[in-house]
Protein backbone atom coordinates (compact mmCIF):
# COMPACT_ATOMS: atom_id res chain seq x y z
CA MET A 1 -15.97 -1.75 -29.06
CA LYS A 2 -16.50 -1.86 -25.20
CA ARG A 3 -18.33 0.82 -23.15
CA TRP A 4 -17.72 0.94 -19.40
CA VAL A 5 -19.40 3.16 -17.01
CA SER A 6 -18.23 3.03 -13.32
CA GLY A 7 -18.03 4.93 -9.98
CA PHE A 8 -14.33 5.73 -10.09
CA GLY A 9 -12.84 4.43 -13.61
CA GLN A 10 -11.03 1.21 -14.08
CA ASP A 11 -7.70 2.09 -12.52
CA GLY A 12 -6.51 4.24 -9.79
CA PRO A 13 -6.68 4.09 -6.04
CA PHE A 14 -10.36 4.20 -5.82
CA ALA A 15 -11.31 1.82 -8.74
CA ASN A 16 -12.69 -0.89 -6.65
CA ARG A 17 -14.89 1.21 -4.17
CA PRO A 18 -18.64 1.16 -4.55
CA CYS A 19 -20.38 4.38 -5.58
CA PHE A 20 -23.76 6.11 -6.39
CA ASP A 21 -24.92 9.35 -7.78
CA VAL A 22 -24.72 11.06 -4.58
CA ILE A 23 -21.30 9.59 -3.39
CA ALA A 24 -19.90 11.28 -6.61
CA GLN A 25 -21.69 14.44 -5.71
CA ALA A 26 -20.17 14.43 -2.02
CA MET A 27 -16.65 13.55 -3.37
CA GLY A 28 -16.56 15.67 -6.41
CA GLY A 29 -17.52 18.81 -4.72
CA ILE A 30 -21.04 19.43 -6.19
CA MET A 31 -22.74 18.70 -2.78
CA ASN A 32 -20.43 21.13 -0.86
CA MET A 33 -21.37 23.87 -3.34
CA THR A 34 -25.13 23.32 -3.00
CA GLY A 35 -27.67 24.50 -0.39
CA GLN A 36 -28.29 27.70 1.72
CA PRO A 37 -25.13 29.33 3.06
CA GLU A 38 -25.74 28.40 6.55
CA GLY A 39 -27.30 25.12 5.99
CA PRO A 40 -25.55 21.66 5.51
CA PRO A 41 -24.10 20.47 2.07
CA THR A 42 -26.93 19.31 0.10
CA MET A 43 -27.42 16.74 -2.85
CA ALA A 44 -29.03 17.97 -6.03
CA GLY A 45 -32.73 17.24 -6.38
CA THR A 46 -32.25 14.77 -9.11
CA PHE A 47 -29.60 12.15 -10.05
CA MET A 48 -27.68 14.63 -12.10
CA ILE A 49 -24.41 12.76 -12.06
CA ASP A 50 -25.94 9.55 -13.16
CA TYR A 51 -27.75 11.09 -16.08
CA SER A 52 -24.71 13.26 -17.07
CA THR A 53 -22.36 10.37 -17.02
CA ALA A 54 -24.59 8.50 -19.35
CA LEU A 55 -24.46 11.56 -21.77
CA TYR A 56 -20.58 11.54 -21.41
CA ALA A 57 -20.49 7.77 -22.25
CA THR A 58 -22.73 8.44 -25.27
CA ILE A 59 -20.66 11.15 -26.60
CA GLY A 60 -17.49 9.14 -26.05
CA THR A 61 -19.22 6.30 -27.99
CA LEU A 62 -19.95 8.46 -30.89
CA CYS A 63 -16.26 9.91 -30.97
CA ALA A 64 -14.98 6.37 -30.94
CA LEU A 65 -17.32 5.36 -33.64
CA GLU A 66 -16.01 8.13 -35.82
CA ALA A 67 -12.51 7.12 -34.83
CA ARG A 68 -13.08 3.56 -35.83
CA ARG A 69 -14.49 4.79 -39.21
CA GLN A 70 -11.32 6.64 -39.83
CA THR A 71 -8.86 3.97 -38.53
CA GLY A 72 -10.84 0.72 -38.69
CA LYS A 73 -9.93 0.31 -34.96
CA GLY A 74 -12.27 0.06 -32.05
CA GLN A 75 -11.61 1.00 -28.54
CA MET A 76 -12.70 0.92 -24.85
CA VAL A 77 -15.07 4.01 -24.03
CA GLU A 78 -14.88 5.01 -20.34
CA ALA A 79 -17.08 7.46 -18.25
CA SER A 80 -17.06 7.45 -14.32
CA LEU A 81 -19.16 9.30 -11.88
CA LEU A 82 -16.54 10.97 -9.95
CA GLU A 83 -14.73 12.37 -13.27
CA THR A 84 -18.47 13.68 -14.14
CA SER A 85 -19.04 15.29 -11.00
CA ALA A 86 -15.58 17.12 -11.19
CA SER A 87 -16.31 18.25 -14.67
CA LEU A 88 -19.54 20.16 -13.52
CA LEU A 89 -17.72 22.46 -11.11
CA MET A 90 -17.65 25.47 -13.48
CA SER A 91 -14.42 27.51 -12.55
CA ALA A 92 -14.10 26.12 -8.97
CA ILE A 93 -10.75 24.39 -9.58
CA PRO A 94 -8.92 27.31 -11.22
CA ASP A 95 -10.50 29.54 -8.71
CA PHE A 96 -9.01 27.66 -5.99
CA LYS A 97 -5.83 26.62 -7.21
CA GLN A 98 -4.90 29.99 -8.96
CA LEU A 99 -6.99 32.61 -6.97
CA GLY A 100 -7.15 30.85 -3.66
CA GLN A 101 -11.05 31.35 -3.63
CA SER A 102 -13.37 28.55 -2.72
CA MET A 103 -17.04 28.46 -4.21
CA SER A 104 -19.28 28.64 -1.15
CA ARG A 105 -23.10 27.61 -0.88
CA MET A 106 -25.24 30.31 -2.32
CA GLY A 107 -28.69 29.05 -2.17
CA SER A 108 -30.57 30.08 -5.20
CA ARG A 109 -28.47 33.20 -5.82
CA ASP A 110 -26.25 33.68 -8.90
CA ARG A 111 -22.55 33.68 -7.91
CA TYR A 112 -21.68 36.62 -10.29
CA THR A 113 -24.56 39.09 -10.79
CA SER A 114 -27.50 40.41 -8.78
CA PRO A 115 -30.54 40.61 -8.58
CA VAL A 116 -30.65 36.91 -9.49
CA ASN A 117 -32.65 34.77 -7.08
CA SER A 118 -36.15 33.16 -6.27
CA PHE A 119 -38.59 35.65 -4.60
CA ARG A 120 -42.06 35.03 -3.18
CA CYS A 121 -45.31 36.65 -4.55
CA SER A 122 -48.21 37.90 -2.95
CA ASP A 123 -50.13 34.59 -3.94
CA GLY A 124 -47.52 32.49 -2.10
CA ALA A 125 -46.00 31.20 -5.35
CA TRP A 126 -42.15 31.50 -5.96
CA ILE A 127 -40.68 33.05 -9.00
CA TYR A 128 -37.17 33.06 -10.17
CA LEU A 129 -35.83 36.29 -11.61
CA SER A 130 -32.57 36.97 -13.55
CA ALA A 131 -31.91 40.63 -13.93
CA GLY A 132 -28.26 40.70 -13.02
CA THR A 133 -26.77 42.32 -16.14
CA ASP A 134 -26.84 46.06 -16.48
CA SER A 135 -29.16 45.83 -19.57
CA LEU A 136 -31.59 43.48 -17.79
CA PHE A 137 -31.57 45.50 -14.46
CA HIS A 138 -32.50 48.48 -16.43
CA ARG A 139 -35.47 46.70 -18.05
CA PHE A 140 -36.48 45.38 -14.62
CA VAL A 141 -36.57 48.61 -12.90
CA ALA A 142 -38.52 50.13 -16.04
CA ALA A 143 -41.19 47.48 -15.78
CA ALA A 144 -41.22 47.58 -11.88
CA ASP A 145 -41.50 51.31 -11.81
CA LEU A 146 -38.36 51.45 -9.78
CA ALA A 147 -36.23 53.65 -11.94
CA HIS A 148 -35.20 55.66 -9.04
CA LEU A 149 -32.81 52.82 -8.36
CA LEU A 150 -30.64 53.85 -11.10
CA GLU A 151 -29.54 56.70 -9.33
CA ASP A 152 -28.36 54.86 -6.47
CA PRO A 153 -24.58 54.34 -6.42
CA ARG A 154 -24.93 50.80 -4.79
CA PHE A 155 -26.97 49.54 -7.79
CA ALA A 156 -25.20 51.60 -10.59
CA SER A 157 -23.34 48.63 -12.14
CA ALA A 158 -23.10 44.72 -11.88
CA ASP A 159 -20.14 44.85 -9.38
CA THR A 160 -21.79 47.43 -7.14
CA ARG A 161 -25.08 45.50 -7.01
CA LEU A 162 -23.12 42.25 -6.40
CA ALA A 163 -21.56 43.97 -3.54
CA ASN A 164 -24.77 45.11 -2.16
CA GLN A 165 -26.70 41.76 -2.90
CA ASP A 166 -28.71 41.91 0.29
CA ALA A 167 -30.00 45.41 -0.11
CA ILE A 168 -30.93 45.00 -3.84
CA GLU A 169 -32.71 41.66 -3.17
CA ALA A 170 -34.80 43.12 -0.24
CA ILE A 171 -35.96 45.87 -2.64
CA VAL A 172 -36.94 43.22 -5.26
CA GLN A 173 -38.61 41.07 -2.69
CA GLN A 174 -40.59 43.96 -1.51
CA TRP A 175 -41.97 44.68 -4.97
CA VAL A 176 -42.50 41.08 -6.11
CA GLY A 177 -44.34 40.55 -2.82
CA LEU A 178 -46.97 42.87 -3.88
CA HIS A 179 -47.93 41.03 -7.03
CA PRO A 180 -49.34 37.61 -7.78
CA SER A 181 -46.73 35.18 -9.48
CA GLY A 182 -48.77 35.45 -13.07
CA ALA A 183 -48.55 39.19 -13.11
CA VAL A 184 -44.78 39.21 -12.31
CA VAL A 185 -44.16 36.67 -14.91
CA GLU A 186 -46.13 38.58 -17.48
CA ALA A 187 -44.57 41.94 -16.72
CA MET A 188 -40.82 40.37 -16.90
CA GLU A 189 -41.78 38.58 -20.32
CA LYS A 190 -43.05 41.83 -21.84
CA ALA A 191 -39.98 43.56 -20.53
CA GLY A 192 -37.56 40.84 -21.97
CA VAL A 193 -36.32 39.86 -18.45
CA PRO A 194 -35.94 36.09 -17.89
CA CYS A 195 -38.38 35.12 -15.16
CA ALA A 196 -40.32 31.92 -14.50
CA ARG A 197 -42.73 30.43 -11.88
CA VAL A 198 -41.09 27.63 -9.88
CA ALA A 199 -43.19 24.91 -11.11
CA GLY A 200 -44.30 21.85 -9.24
CA ILE A 201 -44.34 18.66 -11.04
CA GLY A 202 -48.02 18.91 -11.82
CA GLU A 203 -47.28 22.29 -13.59
CA VAL A 204 -44.41 20.76 -15.47
CA THR A 205 -46.55 17.84 -16.81
CA GLU A 206 -48.97 20.50 -18.28
CA ASN A 207 -46.18 23.02 -19.49
CA PRO A 208 -47.51 24.13 -22.95
CA GLN A 209 -44.00 24.52 -24.38
CA LEU A 210 -43.10 20.99 -23.29
CA ARG A 211 -46.23 19.59 -24.45
CA HIS A 212 -45.90 21.62 -28.03
CA ARG A 213 -42.29 20.10 -28.33
CA GLY A 214 -43.60 16.55 -27.55
CA GLN A 215 -41.56 16.40 -24.36
CA ILE A 216 -44.61 15.27 -22.08
CA VAL A 217 -46.41 12.60 -23.89
CA ASP A 218 -49.53 10.35 -23.15
CA ILE A 219 -48.78 6.61 -24.13
CA GLU A 220 -51.51 4.18 -24.59
CA HIS A 221 -50.95 0.78 -22.95
CA PRO A 222 -53.02 -2.14 -23.91
CA LYS A 223 -53.19 -3.36 -20.44
CA ILE A 224 -53.13 -0.58 -17.94
CA GLY A 225 -54.53 2.38 -20.23
CA THR A 226 -53.03 5.83 -20.59
CA TYR A 227 -49.92 6.85 -18.84
CA THR A 228 -47.75 9.93 -18.96
CA THR A 229 -44.06 10.07 -19.49
CA HIS A 230 -41.18 11.91 -21.06
CA GLY A 231 -40.77 12.24 -24.78
CA VAL A 232 -37.65 11.91 -26.86
CA THR A 233 -35.50 14.61 -25.51
CA VAL A 234 -33.13 15.28 -28.68
CA THR A 235 -34.94 16.45 -31.84
CA LEU A 236 -33.55 15.36 -35.08
CA HIS A 237 -35.51 17.17 -37.86
CA ASP A 238 -34.88 14.85 -40.66
CA THR A 239 -34.90 11.54 -38.85
CA PRO A 240 -37.17 12.13 -35.65
CA GLY A 241 -37.12 9.70 -32.93
CA ARG A 242 -40.44 8.23 -31.47
CA ILE A 243 -41.63 6.04 -28.71
CA ALA A 244 -42.22 2.78 -30.58
CA ARG A 245 -43.89 0.91 -27.85
CA PRO A 246 -45.32 1.29 -24.22
CA ALA A 247 -43.08 0.49 -21.20
CA PRO A 248 -43.49 -3.42 -20.66
CA LEU A 249 -44.97 -5.09 -17.63
CA LEU A 250 -42.87 -7.26 -15.55
CA GLY A 251 -42.06 -10.32 -17.37
CA GLU A 252 -43.93 -9.35 -20.47
CA HIS A 253 -41.44 -10.19 -22.89
CA THR A 254 -39.75 -13.27 -20.98
CA LYS A 255 -41.06 -15.77 -23.48
CA GLU A 256 -39.98 -13.78 -26.47
CA VAL A 257 -36.58 -13.23 -25.35
CA LEU A 258 -36.08 -16.71 -24.31
CA GLN A 259 -37.06 -18.00 -27.75
CA GLU A 260 -34.60 -15.48 -29.27
CA TRP A 261 -31.71 -16.88 -27.08
CA LEU A 262 -32.61 -20.58 -27.62
CA ALA A 263 -32.71 -20.01 -31.29
CA ALA A 264 -29.33 -18.27 -31.35
CA GLU A 265 -27.93 -21.40 -29.33
CA ALA A 266 -29.80 -24.06 -31.00
CA PRO A 267 -31.88 -23.09 -34.13
CA VAL A 268 -33.64 -26.40 -33.90
CA ARG A 269 -35.02 -25.74 -30.60
CA ARG A 270 -37.79 -23.54 -29.71
CA PHE A 271 -39.04 -22.35 -26.07
CA VAL A 272 -42.91 -23.03 -25.64
């Protein structure tokens, strides 16, 4: 079985072009959908296409292994950066081809409901609040003591709130801006409204949920001491994964690897 990950696939008019993650974001439509409405197209803040393509390649490999189990025949597995980018466009392709609608840049707003956006608190921190559905909006206005908004026809339903997005977001921002981020998050948690502080990387490394789930781990290295890194992302309850050894230093295993290679080529020889 062969696995082949590339920029554009093994055939087609672009097969021989060079490609990086951000090139696939640009060509595949992701970049044009990302950023502030009046700003330039913007790349995602991480190499999302690289990571997602690796996941697709893994899924394809597992499918091919199952096919081989059933048929006894292996096959090539392909995944490409451009195809991954196009796969992440939500409904943008049918929206354009069937409805003539183009997904524009929305900043941090939700495309389909409101209020769903990032808002700045009195302590200067940002929170992200998702109260777009009717049930969530009702919980939000009760927790924020803004129940009179339910009597305003502009905010009576998800459709009317979306049509009056600027107005409802201004009201939410005014309320959020009166309170520190911790108080807002706590109030929304009690009300059952999805809400989170926009975390910096320092906060992420100390996130109690990630720590509890073993997703942020401290590894002991015999030469450089303790370092912090990702844990094993997928949890298998019967056969859990683990980090067997720390990250190697540059050249740390050169002798070991060369010994294995030489042993495979000529069992009587050893690298010293």
